[in-house]
Protein backbone atom coordinates (compact mmCIF):
# COMPACT_ATOMS: atom_id res chain seq x y z
CA MET A 1 -177.74 -55.96 -28.66
CA PRO A 2 -176.68 -52.21 -27.55
CA GLN A 3 -172.89 -52.14 -27.12
CA ARG A 4 -171.49 -52.23 -23.68
CA ARG A 5 -170.29 -49.08 -21.96
CA THR A 6 -167.06 -48.42 -20.09
CA PRO A 7 -168.08 -48.21 -16.02
CA HIS A 8 -168.57 -44.73 -15.01
CA THR A 9 -165.87 -43.25 -12.56
CA ARG A 10 -168.20 -41.08 -9.80
CA SER A 11 -167.45 -39.35 -6.95
CA HIS A 12 -169.62 -40.24 -3.87
CA ALA A 13 -170.22 -38.65 -0.67
CA ALA A 14 -168.79 -40.62 2.33
CA GLY A 15 -170.91 -43.72 3.29
CA GLY A 16 -172.84 -44.38 6.15
CA THR A 17 -174.54 -40.88 6.21
CA ALA A 18 -178.01 -41.25 8.10
CA ARG A 19 -181.14 -40.61 6.20
CA THR A 20 -183.62 -37.68 6.93
CA GLY A 21 -186.23 -37.91 4.45
CA ARG A 22 -189.32 -40.08 4.71
CA ALA A 23 -190.92 -42.15 2.01
CA SER A 24 -194.04 -40.71 2.91
CA SER A 25 -193.47 -37.31 1.82
CA PRO A 26 -192.78 -37.00 -1.84
CA GLY A 27 -193.74 -33.34 -1.85
CA ARG A 28 -190.31 -32.70 -0.49
CA ALA A 29 -188.69 -33.76 -3.71
CA SER A 30 -187.45 -30.72 -5.84
CA HIS A 31 -188.10 -30.72 -9.58
CA THR A 32 -188.33 -28.36 -12.30
CA LYS A 33 -190.03 -28.04 -15.69
CA LYS A 34 -187.99 -29.12 -18.70
CA ASN A 35 -187.19 -26.26 -21.12
CA SER A 36 -183.95 -27.84 -22.94
CA ALA A 37 -184.34 -29.29 -26.49
CA ALA A 38 -185.55 -32.86 -27.35
CA ALA A 39 -183.29 -35.42 -26.19
CA PRO A 40 -181.32 -37.74 -28.67
CA LYS A 41 -183.83 -39.68 -30.68
CA GLY A 42 -184.82 -43.24 -29.27
CA VAL A 43 -187.61 -45.34 -28.15
CA ALA A 44 -188.24 -48.07 -25.74
CA HIS A 45 -187.81 -51.47 -27.24
CA SER A 46 -187.78 -55.05 -26.05
CA VAL A 47 -184.56 -56.90 -26.00
CA ARG A 48 -183.37 -60.26 -24.42
CA SER A 49 -180.72 -60.90 -21.79
CA SER A 50 -179.59 -63.74 -19.22
CA ALA A 51 -177.85 -61.24 -17.13
CA ALA A 52 -178.33 -61.75 -13.22
CA PRO A 53 -177.85 -59.38 -10.32
CA THR A 54 -176.95 -60.46 -6.80
CA VAL A 55 -179.72 -63.05 -5.36
CA GLY A 56 -180.17 -64.34 -2.04
CA ASN A 57 -177.42 -62.29 -0.31
CA VAL A 58 -174.67 -63.52 -2.98
CA ARG A 59 -173.32 -61.16 -5.43
CA ALA A 60 -173.46 -62.56 -9.05
CA GLY A 61 -170.69 -62.14 -11.60
CA ARG A 62 -170.91 -59.09 -14.23
CA ALA A 63 -169.58 -61.26 -17.14
CA ASP A 64 -172.77 -61.29 -18.93
CA ALA A 65 -174.41 -58.12 -17.72
CA PRO A 66 -176.67 -56.60 -20.55
CA THR A 67 -175.05 -54.23 -22.86
CA ARG A 68 -176.97 -51.38 -24.64
CA ARG A 69 -176.40 -48.52 -27.25
CA VAL A 70 -174.65 -45.41 -26.57
CA ALA A 71 -176.92 -42.60 -26.94
CA GLU A 72 -176.68 -40.13 -29.74
CA GLY A 73 -174.89 -36.86 -29.36
CA SER A 74 -173.41 -35.57 -26.10
CA ARG A 75 -174.19 -36.95 -22.61
CA ALA A 76 -177.36 -36.02 -21.09
CA PRO A 77 -177.58 -34.06 -18.16
CA LYS A 78 -177.92 -35.81 -14.95
CA LYS A 79 -181.54 -35.83 -14.73
CA LEU A 80 -184.55 -38.29 -14.72
CA PRO A 81 -187.32 -37.78 -17.28
CA LEU A 82 -190.92 -37.87 -15.16
CA PRO A 83 -194.38 -37.63 -15.99
CA GLY A 84 -195.64 -34.32 -16.92
CA GLY A 85 -192.70 -33.18 -18.88
CA TYR A 86 -190.77 -32.73 -15.59
CA GLU A 87 -186.97 -33.57 -14.83
CA MET A 88 -185.32 -33.95 -11.66
CA THR A 89 -181.73 -34.12 -10.48
CA LEU A 90 -181.83 -37.39 -8.32
CA THR A 91 -179.99 -37.73 -5.00
CA ARG A 92 -179.77 -40.19 -2.23
CA ARG A 93 -182.76 -38.59 -0.51
CA HIS A 94 -184.99 -39.18 -3.31
CA PHE A 95 -184.94 -42.92 -2.77
CA LEU A 96 -186.95 -42.26 0.26
CA TYR A 97 -189.85 -41.15 -2.07
CA GLY A 98 -189.64 -43.67 -4.93
CA ALA A 99 -189.88 -43.42 -8.29
CA ALA A 100 -193.77 -43.49 -8.26
CA GLY A 101 -193.97 -40.86 -5.62
CA VAL A 102 -191.76 -38.32 -7.46
CA ALA A 103 -193.64 -38.87 -10.36
CA ALA A 104 -196.93 -38.32 -8.76
CA ILE A 105 -195.73 -35.09 -7.78
CA ALA A 106 -194.47 -34.10 -11.11
CA ALA A 107 -197.64 -34.85 -12.61
CA LEU A 108 -199.55 -32.16 -10.52
CA GLY A 109 -197.86 -29.56 -12.65
CA GLY A 110 -197.99 -31.15 -15.93
CA GLY A 111 -200.66 -31.29 -18.32
CA ALA A 112 -201.96 -34.05 -20.95
CA ALA A 113 -200.36 -33.85 -24.30
CA TRP A 114 -202.84 -33.77 -27.28
CA ALA A 115 -202.28 -36.86 -29.22
CA ALA A 116 -202.25 -37.78 -32.89
CA GLY A 117 -204.44 -40.06 -34.82
CA GLN A 118 -207.60 -39.55 -32.40
CA THR A 119 -210.44 -41.58 -33.69
CA LYS A 120 -214.08 -40.06 -34.14
CA ASP A 121 -216.47 -42.21 -32.27
CA ASP A 122 -218.48 -39.63 -30.52
CA ASP A 123 -221.64 -41.24 -31.34
CA ALA A 124 -220.85 -44.34 -29.42
CA LEU A 125 -219.19 -42.43 -26.43
CA HIS A 126 -220.85 -43.13 -22.92
CA THR A 127 -219.41 -41.56 -19.75
CA LEU A 128 -220.40 -42.33 -16.00
CA LYS A 129 -223.24 -40.61 -14.80
CA VAL A 130 -223.86 -40.83 -11.15
CA PRO A 131 -226.45 -38.63 -9.44
CA GLU A 132 -225.53 -37.34 -6.22
CA GLY A 133 -228.29 -39.35 -4.30
CA ALA A 134 -226.73 -42.51 -5.42
CA VAL A 135 -223.49 -41.83 -3.60
CA THR A 136 -223.11 -42.60 0.24
CA GLN A 137 -220.67 -40.33 1.84
CA SER A 138 -218.01 -41.70 4.54
CA THR A 139 -219.35 -38.86 6.90
CA SER A 140 -222.64 -40.74 7.03
CA LEU A 141 -221.23 -43.91 8.64
CA GLU A 142 -220.93 -44.72 12.21
CA GLU A 143 -217.55 -44.86 13.89
CA MET A 144 -216.57 -48.03 15.85
CA GLU A 145 -215.07 -47.43 19.19
CA ASP A 146 -212.73 -50.50 19.00
CA ALA A 147 -210.72 -51.06 15.83
CA ALA A 148 -209.82 -54.62 17.14
CA GLU A 149 -213.65 -55.58 16.07
CA ALA A 150 -212.91 -54.95 12.62
CA LEU A 151 -209.03 -55.73 11.80
CA THR A 152 -206.41 -57.56 14.27
CA LEU A 153 -202.56 -56.88 14.08
CA THR A 154 -201.13 -60.34 13.35
CA GLY A 155 -197.53 -59.35 12.77
CA SER A 156 -194.86 -56.34 12.28
CA VAL A 157 -191.60 -56.18 10.84
CA GLU A 158 -188.93 -53.09 11.26
CA LEU A 159 -187.03 -52.29 7.95
CA PRO A 160 -184.81 -49.44 7.39
CA PHE A 161 -186.04 -45.77 7.87
CA GLY A 162 -187.21 -44.59 4.75
CA SER A 163 -188.14 -48.30 2.91
CA LEU A 164 -190.98 -48.43 0.73
CA VAL A 165 -193.44 -51.31 0.49
CA TRP A 166 -196.07 -52.74 -1.86
CA CYS A 167 -198.45 -55.81 -1.57
CA SER A 168 -200.45 -57.56 -4.00
CA ASP A 169 -201.27 -60.89 -2.33
CA ASP A 170 -201.66 -62.68 0.86
CA ALA A 171 -198.30 -64.41 1.11
CA VAL A 172 -195.42 -61.50 0.46
CA ALA A 173 -194.85 -58.07 0.15
CA VAL A 174 -191.77 -56.49 -1.80
CA CYS A 175 -189.84 -53.52 -0.54
CA LEU A 176 -187.18 -50.96 -1.67
CA LEU A 177 -184.70 -50.84 0.99
CA PRO A 178 -182.48 -47.89 1.09
CA THR A 179 -178.88 -48.43 2.39
CA GLU A 180 -176.21 -46.26 4.47
CA ILE A 181 -173.51 -46.52 1.65
CA ALA A 182 -172.79 -44.85 -1.55
CA LYS A 183 -173.19 -47.73 -3.56
CA PRO A 184 -175.97 -49.42 -4.01
CA LEU A 185 -178.52 -46.67 -3.25
CA ALA A 186 -181.19 -49.22 -2.84
CA GLN A 187 -181.78 -52.98 -2.52
CA VAL A 188 -184.99 -55.32 -3.14
CA GLY A 189 -186.43 -57.18 -0.16
CA VAL A 190 -189.16 -59.68 0.32
CA ILE A 191 -191.46 -59.92 3.35
CA ASP A 192 -192.78 -63.19 4.33
CA LEU A 193 -196.37 -61.89 5.80
CA ALA A 194 -196.84 -65.24 7.55
CA ALA A 195 -193.44 -65.58 9.51
CA GLY A 196 -193.26 -61.62 9.90
CA THR A 197 -189.64 -61.52 8.36
CA CYS A 198 -187.78 -59.49 5.67
CA THR A 199 -185.04 -61.13 3.56
CA THR A 200 -183.12 -58.89 0.90
CA VAL A 201 -183.05 -60.76 -2.32
CA ILE A 202 -181.36 -58.15 -4.90
CA GLU A 203 -178.62 -56.48 -3.35
CA HIS A 204 -176.88 -54.85 -6.56
CA ALA A 205 -178.52 -53.50 -9.97
CA VAL A 206 -177.70 -55.71 -12.77
CA GLY A 207 -175.96 -52.86 -14.49
CA GLU A 208 -174.25 -51.50 -11.20
CA ASP A 209 -170.82 -51.51 -12.93
CA GLU A 210 -172.51 -49.41 -15.70
CA GLY A 211 -173.54 -46.76 -13.58
CA PHE A 212 -177.30 -48.17 -12.98
CA GLU A 213 -179.16 -48.34 -9.65
CA ILE A 214 -182.68 -49.78 -8.74
CA TYR A 215 -185.55 -47.26 -8.66
CA ASP A 216 -188.53 -49.21 -8.20
CA VAL A 217 -190.14 -52.74 -7.97
CA ARG A 218 -193.31 -54.67 -7.63
CA GLY A 219 -194.06 -58.30 -7.09
CA ASN A 220 -195.97 -61.19 -5.66
CA SER A 221 -195.15 -64.87 -4.65
CA ALA A 222 -194.52 -65.57 -8.29
CA GLY A 223 -192.00 -63.07 -9.27
CA LEU A 224 -190.33 -59.67 -9.23
CA ILE A 225 -190.37 -56.75 -11.85
CA TRP A 226 -188.42 -53.91 -11.21
CA THR A 227 -186.53 -50.80 -12.86
CA GLU A 228 -182.92 -49.65 -13.09
CA ALA A 229 -181.63 -46.31 -14.53
CA ASP A 230 -178.49 -44.53 -15.09
CA ILE A 231 -179.09 -40.63 -14.48
CA LEU A 232 -175.75 -39.80 -16.29
CA ASP A 233 -177.26 -41.01 -19.74
CA GLY A 234 -180.99 -40.72 -18.81
CA VAL A 235 -181.31 -44.38 -19.65
CA TRP A 236 -183.57 -46.93 -17.91
CA ARG A 237 -184.09 -50.82 -17.96
CA VAL A 238 -186.85 -53.15 -16.84
CA PHE A 239 -186.12 -56.50 -15.33
CA CYS A 240 -188.36 -59.40 -14.13
CA ALA A 241 -187.26 -62.72 -12.44
CA THR A 242 -189.21 -65.68 -10.86
CA LEU A 243 -189.51 -65.83 -7.02
CA SER A 244 -189.74 -68.75 -4.95
CA GLY A 245 -189.90 -68.22 -1.45
CA THR A 246 -186.81 -65.71 -1.12
CA THR A 247 -185.06 -67.35 -4.02
CA VAL A 248 -184.84 -65.03 -7.17
CA GLY A 249 -184.38 -66.72 -10.49
CA THR A 250 -182.25 -65.56 -13.37
CA PRO A 251 -183.03 -61.76 -14.34
CA GLN A 252 -184.42 -61.12 -17.79
CA LEU A 253 -184.14 -57.82 -19.31
CA LEU A 254 -187.35 -56.98 -20.76
CA ASP A 255 -187.08 -53.30 -22.12
CA GLU A 256 -184.92 -50.22 -22.19
CA GLY A 257 -185.22 -46.76 -23.15
CA ASP A 258 -183.74 -43.15 -23.12
CA ALA A 259 -184.82 -39.72 -22.34
CA ASN A 260 -187.55 -39.70 -24.75
CA TRP A 261 -189.61 -42.02 -22.50
CA GLU A 262 -190.28 -41.70 -19.15
CA MET A 263 -189.28 -44.58 -16.60
CA PRO A 264 -192.17 -46.88 -16.84
CA THR A 265 -194.35 -47.43 -13.77
CA LEU A 266 -194.98 -51.04 -12.64
CA ALA A 267 -197.43 -53.87 -11.66
CA ALA A 268 -197.59 -57.42 -10.74
CA ALA A 269 -200.54 -59.68 -11.72
CA GLY A 270 -200.42 -63.59 -11.25
CA GLY A 271 -197.26 -64.81 -13.16
CA TYR A 272 -196.81 -61.68 -15.02
CA GLY A 273 -194.95 -58.43 -14.61
CA PHE A 274 -196.41 -55.29 -16.16
CA TRP A 275 -194.76 -52.05 -17.04
CA GLN A 276 -196.54 -48.88 -18.32
CA CYS A 277 -194.43 -46.74 -21.15
CA LEU A 278 -195.31 -43.02 -21.56
CA PRO A 279 -193.66 -41.01 -24.15
CA GLN A 280 -191.86 -37.71 -22.95
CA LEU A 281 -193.87 -34.59 -23.51
CA ASP A 282 -191.01 -32.81 -25.19
CA GLY A 283 -189.11 -35.71 -26.59
CA ASN A 284 -189.10 -37.36 -30.02
CA ALA A 285 -191.42 -39.90 -29.26
CA ARG A 286 -194.11 -37.37 -27.99
CA VAL A 287 -196.65 -38.38 -30.84
CA GLU A 288 -196.22 -42.11 -30.15
CA ASP A 289 -198.92 -44.14 -28.27
CA SER A 290 -198.68 -44.94 -24.27
CA LEU A 291 -198.22 -48.61 -24.09
CA LEU A 292 -198.96 -51.08 -21.36
CA LYS A 293 -196.59 -54.17 -21.65
CA ARG A 294 -196.14 -57.60 -19.94
CA ALA A 295 -193.94 -60.52 -19.59
CA ALA A 296 -194.19 -64.05 -17.99
CA PHE A 297 -191.72 -63.68 -14.94
CA GLY A 298 -188.56 -65.51 -15.92
CA THR A 299 -188.86 -64.81 -19.60
CA THR A 300 -188.23 -62.26 -21.98
CA ASP A 301 -191.23 -62.55 -23.98
CA ALA A 302 -192.39 -59.06 -23.67
CA GLU A 303 -195.47 -57.91 -25.56
CA VAL A 304 -197.79 -54.69 -25.77
CA VAL A 305 -201.12 -55.81 -24.36
CA TYR A 306 -202.82 -52.22 -24.80
CA ALA A 307 -202.06 -49.06 -26.71
CA SER A 308 -203.42 -45.66 -25.61
CA GLN A 309 -203.54 -42.78 -27.83
CA GLY A 310 -202.21 -39.97 -25.63
CA ARG A 311 -200.97 -40.43 -21.88
CA MET A 312 -202.58 -42.85 -19.41
CA GLY A 313 -204.16 -41.45 -16.64
CA CYS A 314 -202.27 -42.95 -13.81
CA PRO A 315 -199.90 -45.67 -12.99
CA PRO A 316 -201.17 -49.24 -13.41
CA THR A 317 -202.45 -51.09 -9.87
CA SER A 318 -201.39 -54.43 -8.93
CA CYS A 319 -204.87 -56.12 -8.01
CA GLY A 320 -203.68 -60.05 -7.31
CA ASP A 321 -204.18 -61.90 -10.51
CA SER A 322 -205.24 -58.61 -12.53
CA VAL A 323 -204.17 -55.31 -13.24
CA VAL A 324 -206.07 -51.95 -13.39
CA PHE A 325 -205.02 -48.86 -15.63
CA ALA A 326 -206.31 -46.01 -17.32
CA PRO A 327 -205.77 -45.24 -20.70
CA ARG A 328 -207.32 -42.65 -23.23
CA ALA A 329 -210.72 -43.50 -24.66
CA ARG A 330 -210.33 -43.86 -28.41
CA THR A 331 -212.61 -40.81 -29.06
CA ASN A 332 -212.15 -37.08 -29.75
CA GLY A 333 -211.52 -35.01 -26.62
CA THR A 334 -209.73 -36.17 -23.50
CA TYR A 335 -211.52 -38.99 -22.01
CA TYR A 336 -209.90 -41.55 -19.36
CA GLN A 337 -211.24 -45.34 -19.48
CA VAL A 338 -210.92 -47.15 -16.08
CA SER A 339 -209.91 -50.60 -17.34
CA HIS A 340 -209.43 -53.99 -15.67
CA MET A 341 -207.31 -56.62 -17.20
CA ASN A 342 -206.97 -60.30 -16.49
CA GLY A 343 -203.16 -60.75 -15.85
CA ALA A 344 -203.03 -64.51 -17.27
CA THR A 345 -205.08 -63.68 -20.62
CA GLY A 346 -204.00 -59.99 -21.16
CA ARG A 347 -207.73 -59.31 -22.01
CA VAL A 348 -209.80 -56.38 -20.70
CA THR A 349 -212.74 -57.65 -18.83
CA ASP A 350 -214.50 -54.68 -17.46
CA ALA A 351 -214.24 -50.85 -18.29
CA PHE A 352 -215.97 -47.56 -18.05
CA VAL A 353 -215.27 -43.98 -19.30
CA LEU A 354 -215.17 -41.00 -16.86
CA PRO A 355 -216.46 -37.73 -17.90
CA SER A 356 -214.40 -35.22 -19.89
CA SER A 357 -210.97 -34.35 -18.64
CA MET A 358 -211.79 -36.31 -15.44
CA LYS A 359 -208.26 -37.75 -14.52
CA PRO A 360 -207.77 -40.49 -11.92
CA MET A 361 -204.94 -40.33 -9.37
CA GLU A 362 -205.34 -43.91 -8.75
CA CYS A 363 -207.18 -46.70 -9.94
CA GLY A 364 -207.95 -50.24 -8.47
CA TRP A 365 -210.46 -53.36 -8.14
CA GLY A 366 -212.35 -55.20 -5.43
CA THR A 367 -215.34 -57.40 -4.77
CA THR A 368 -217.75 -54.70 -6.14
CA GLY A 369 -215.71 -53.96 -9.24
CA LEU A 370 -213.64 -51.00 -10.50
CA THR A 371 -212.40 -47.99 -8.11
CA PHE A 372 -210.69 -44.90 -8.84
CA ALA A 373 -209.82 -41.78 -6.77
CA PHE A 374 -209.46 -37.90 -7.49
CA ASP A 375 -207.17 -35.57 -5.73
CA GLY A 376 -208.84 -32.75 -7.34
CA ILE A 377 -212.38 -31.10 -7.25
CA TYR A 378 -214.55 -30.69 -10.69
CA ASN A 379 -217.27 -28.48 -11.00
CA TYR A 380 -219.53 -30.85 -12.95
CA GLY A 381 -220.26 -34.65 -12.70
CA ASP A 382 -222.93 -34.64 -10.10
CA GLY A 383 -222.29 -37.31 -7.30
CA ILE A 384 -218.81 -38.09 -8.91
CA ALA A 385 -216.90 -34.73 -8.84
CA ASN A 386 -215.25 -34.11 -5.54
CA LEU A 387 -211.95 -35.51 -4.19
CA GLY A 388 -211.79 -38.73 -2.74
CA THR A 389 -212.01 -42.45 -3.38
CA TYR A 390 -214.91 -44.06 -5.32
CA LEU A 391 -216.22 -47.48 -5.52
CA PRO A 392 -219.58 -49.26 -6.31
CA MET A 393 -221.25 -50.44 -2.91
CA GLU A 394 -221.98 -53.60 -5.14
CA LEU A 395 -220.97 -55.20 -8.18
CA PRO A 396 -222.67 -53.77 -11.19
CA GLU A 397 -224.66 -56.37 -13.28
CA ASP A 398 -224.19 -57.06 -16.98
CA GLY A 399 -221.19 -54.73 -17.55
CA ALA A 400 -218.61 -56.97 -18.37
CA VAL A 401 -216.68 -56.58 -21.78
CA SER A 402 -217.66 -59.39 -23.88
CA ALA A 403 -215.38 -62.25 -24.80
CA GLU A 404 -215.61 -61.42 -28.46
CA ALA A 405 -214.79 -57.73 -28.08
CA ALA A 406 -211.83 -58.64 -25.39
CA ASP A 407 -210.39 -60.92 -28.02
CA ALA A 408 -210.84 -58.54 -30.55
CA ALA A 409 -209.14 -55.85 -28.71
CA ALA A 410 -206.17 -58.13 -27.87
CA ALA A 411 -205.27 -58.70 -31.57
CA GLY A 412 -202.92 -56.83 -33.42
CA ASP A 413 -199.83 -54.69 -33.08
CA ALA A 414 -201.62 -51.87 -31.11
CA PRO A 415 -204.30 -53.79 -29.00
CA TYR A 416 -207.10 -51.26 -27.41
CA LEU A 417 -210.85 -51.63 -26.65
CA PRO A 418 -213.09 -49.54 -28.97
CA VAL A 419 -215.12 -46.86 -27.18
CA ALA A 420 -218.24 -48.64 -28.44
CA ASP A 421 -217.24 -51.91 -26.18
CA THR A 422 -217.00 -49.68 -23.18
CA ALA A 423 -220.84 -48.46 -23.37
CA ALA A 424 -222.13 -51.53 -21.51
CA GLY A 425 -219.72 -51.09 -18.76
CA THR A 426 -220.30 -47.11 -18.24
CA GLU A 427 -223.94 -47.84 -18.36
CA ALA A 428 -223.80 -50.52 -15.63
CA TYR A 429 -221.17 -48.43 -13.36
CA SER A 430 -223.65 -45.23 -13.94
CA ALA A 431 -226.63 -47.49 -12.34
CA ALA A 432 -224.84 -48.62 -9.33
CA PRO A 433 -224.81 -47.26 -5.88
CA TRP A 434 -221.63 -45.74 -5.25
CA PHE A 435 -219.17 -45.09 -2.10
CA ARG A 436 -217.04 -42.14 -1.75
CA PHE A 437 -213.96 -42.03 1.12
CA ALA A 438 -214.22 -38.27 1.37
CA SER A 439 -210.45 -37.66 1.97
CA THR A 440 -207.31 -36.65 -0.10
CA PRO A 441 -206.33 -40.13 -1.47
CA LEU A 442 -202.75 -41.34 -1.24
CA SER A 443 -203.46 -44.95 -2.80
CA ALA A 444 -205.70 -47.47 -4.11
CA PRO A 445 -208.13 -49.27 -1.40
CA CYS A 446 -207.63 -53.22 -0.75
CA TRP A 447 -210.26 -55.58 0.53
CA CYS A 448 -209.36 -57.33 3.86
CA GLY A 449 -212.06 -59.74 3.98
CA ASN A 450 -215.46 -58.13 4.05
CA TRP A 451 -213.69 -54.96 4.95
CA VAL A 452 -212.62 -52.23 2.47
CA VAL A 453 -209.38 -50.70 3.84
CA ALA A 454 -208.71 -47.06 2.42
CA ARG A 455 -206.01 -44.23 3.34
CA GLY A 456 -206.60 -40.75 3.69
CA SER A 457 -205.83 -37.62 5.79
CA GLY A 458 -203.50 -39.16 8.09
CA TRP A 459 -205.43 -42.44 8.84
CA VAL A 460 -205.99 -45.89 7.32
CA LEU A 461 -209.77 -46.96 7.84
CA ALA A 462 -211.45 -50.16 7.72
CA VAL A 463 -215.26 -49.89 6.09
CA ASP A 464 -217.95 -52.17 6.60
CA LEU A 465 -219.96 -50.90 3.70
CA ALA A 466 -223.04 -53.38 4.04
CA GLY A 467 -223.13 -52.39 7.97
CA ARG A 468 -222.33 -48.62 7.39
CA ARG A 469 -219.63 -48.16 9.84
CA TYR A 470 -215.82 -48.09 9.80
CA ALA A 471 -212.86 -48.02 12.21
CA LYS A 472 -209.56 -46.27 12.06
CA LEU A 473 -206.73 -48.34 12.47
CA PRO A 474 -204.49 -47.31 15.53
CA LEU A 475 -201.51 -45.16 14.84
CA GLU A 476 -197.77 -45.74 15.95
CA GLU A 477 -196.12 -43.22 18.35
CA GLY A 478 -193.47 -41.51 16.30
CA SER A 479 -194.97 -41.73 13.05
CA GLY A 480 -195.02 -37.88 12.31
CA ASP A 481 -197.46 -36.01 10.13
CA TYR A 482 -197.75 -38.85 7.52
CA ASN A 483 -198.53 -41.74 9.61
CA ASP A 484 -199.46 -44.79 8.06
CA PHE A 485 -199.43 -45.59 4.33
CA LEU A 486 -201.45 -48.50 2.80
CA ALA A 487 -199.31 -50.98 0.81
CA SER A 488 -201.88 -53.46 -0.20
CA THR A 489 -203.94 -53.02 -3.14
CA HIS A 490 -205.72 -56.50 -3.68
CA VAL A 491 -208.43 -58.69 -2.66
CA GLY A 492 -207.62 -61.20 0.24
CA ASN A 493 -207.55 -61.79 3.93
CA ARG A 494 -204.34 -59.54 4.96
CA ALA A 495 -203.76 -56.08 4.75
CA VAL A 496 -200.22 -54.34 4.84
CA THR A 497 -199.45 -50.83 6.15
CA TYR A 498 -196.44 -49.39 6.90
CA CYS A 499 -194.89 -46.05 8.24
CA ASN A 500 -191.90 -44.19 9.09
CA VAL A 501 -190.97 -44.05 12.99
CA ASP A 502 -188.71 -41.76 14.61
CA HIS A 503 -189.31 -41.62 18.41
CA THR A 504 -187.23 -41.11 21.34
CA PRO A 505 -189.34 -42.27 24.62
CA ILE A 506 -188.49 -40.16 27.89
CA GLY A 507 -185.38 -42.10 29.34
CA GLY A 508 -185.51 -44.48 26.44
CA GLU A 509 -183.58 -45.19 23.14
CA GLN A 510 -184.40 -43.51 19.78
CA LYS A 511 -186.49 -45.95 17.73
CA LYS A 512 -186.02 -45.27 13.92
CA CYS A 513 -187.11 -47.56 11.53
CA CYS A 514 -189.88 -48.34 8.67
CA LEU A 515 -192.52 -50.22 10.66
CA VAL A 516 -194.67 -52.68 8.55
CA ARG A 517 -197.89 -53.84 10.03
CA ILE A 518 -200.00 -56.96 9.05
CA TRP A 519 -203.60 -57.09 9.79
CA GLU A 520 -206.27 -59.77 9.39
CA PRO A 521 -210.15 -59.53 9.77
CA ALA A 522 -211.11 -60.17 13.30
CA SER A 523 -212.72 -63.54 13.92
């Protein structure tokens, strides 16, 4: 175990300062390209701990807090490594954006690093080829006059302004709650979607006394997974814990890393927490594989479930009992492989390969199979080329990864799916009819009953693929330029949206909060 450090003495601004940022505007975060020398040597590794944070509004003791090694050399700048080789100085305002949102902005200016050890399976490579005539555009659908005929608002919850929300099952959503004091900067809450209530379940970072703060969280009815970081040393940690109602079990330390590895992105699937580790572009680990890891909630049994030669295309997405991610295909060149993994088994069950250098911004999974989104435009690819969210109109046939191939891919210390085993899936998806939601994407879609729910260009839309129609969910007055965000990414009978509201009606009182709304299919 690494050695315990002496707690940092910090100077803080006075508490109680009102927040003026918003969760939905990651573009306002400042970031600069790193030009400094490589960070001290070190890589992420699995560790064990039984330390506990504050749970259920009662702050736990810190005697058993996890310890860690002291980084070699001088202390790192007050920077946090981000995807794409960027770094940023963190402030209280940045908690309004969330780790994933800041990372997405940094990635816009970053490029993919060439990874060592590429295999040469070009003869076995098949890429997605969809003609323009096989893609139904959202502009060809009929708009419904009454959105209540599609989805009905069944509940709402008011959270602190600037909160961030994620949902991957029908029972609960998890949220990162900013505070109005200097320490802690953020807390973790759980929203009961049936009751329409939010409970703060983690009030302090496990490593708060060592200078750590909570930066990101995902979860479901079975458990939570979250990251903590100490920006003074550029060190991060990944924790998980079980969840029963609003009771959090003993936190377990799953992983930690230094400035040679970017802070992991997170997902939750069934009874497991997942985290994706990417090497920093200019760090000592830059030629290492990108890794997708998982552990059962409440345990320290961390394992690598996928290894990518080169940087993965986007963060993993929580899709109920499964997770979707985009590793690099094992072949020459840059090809991203959209992959669906069963959360319980850790096996890849479905996959296809995108054309060369087409990098997905988001990936997902629904009743018609794998989905992905581009935030850029390509001058090749036929029907799959423009920005927007893409999903099959119907589930492709005979494209699933065979059980034998999935078992073989999961074996070994560096599990991966050979490119030859993606051919059937790629051909099946190429033959399927597709739908394109022609709008700048911000998140993966979800399925709410028979409706596909997607977000783009300031609106959240409910789409009836079979009926070729859609409805715009009503906006909340005072939600500003960014309006609603879609928190849900799974298949179920509830969809969760949220927006930051700052509105003062004439002659009334100011309303400033994060409004979470819960939707269900109209009967």
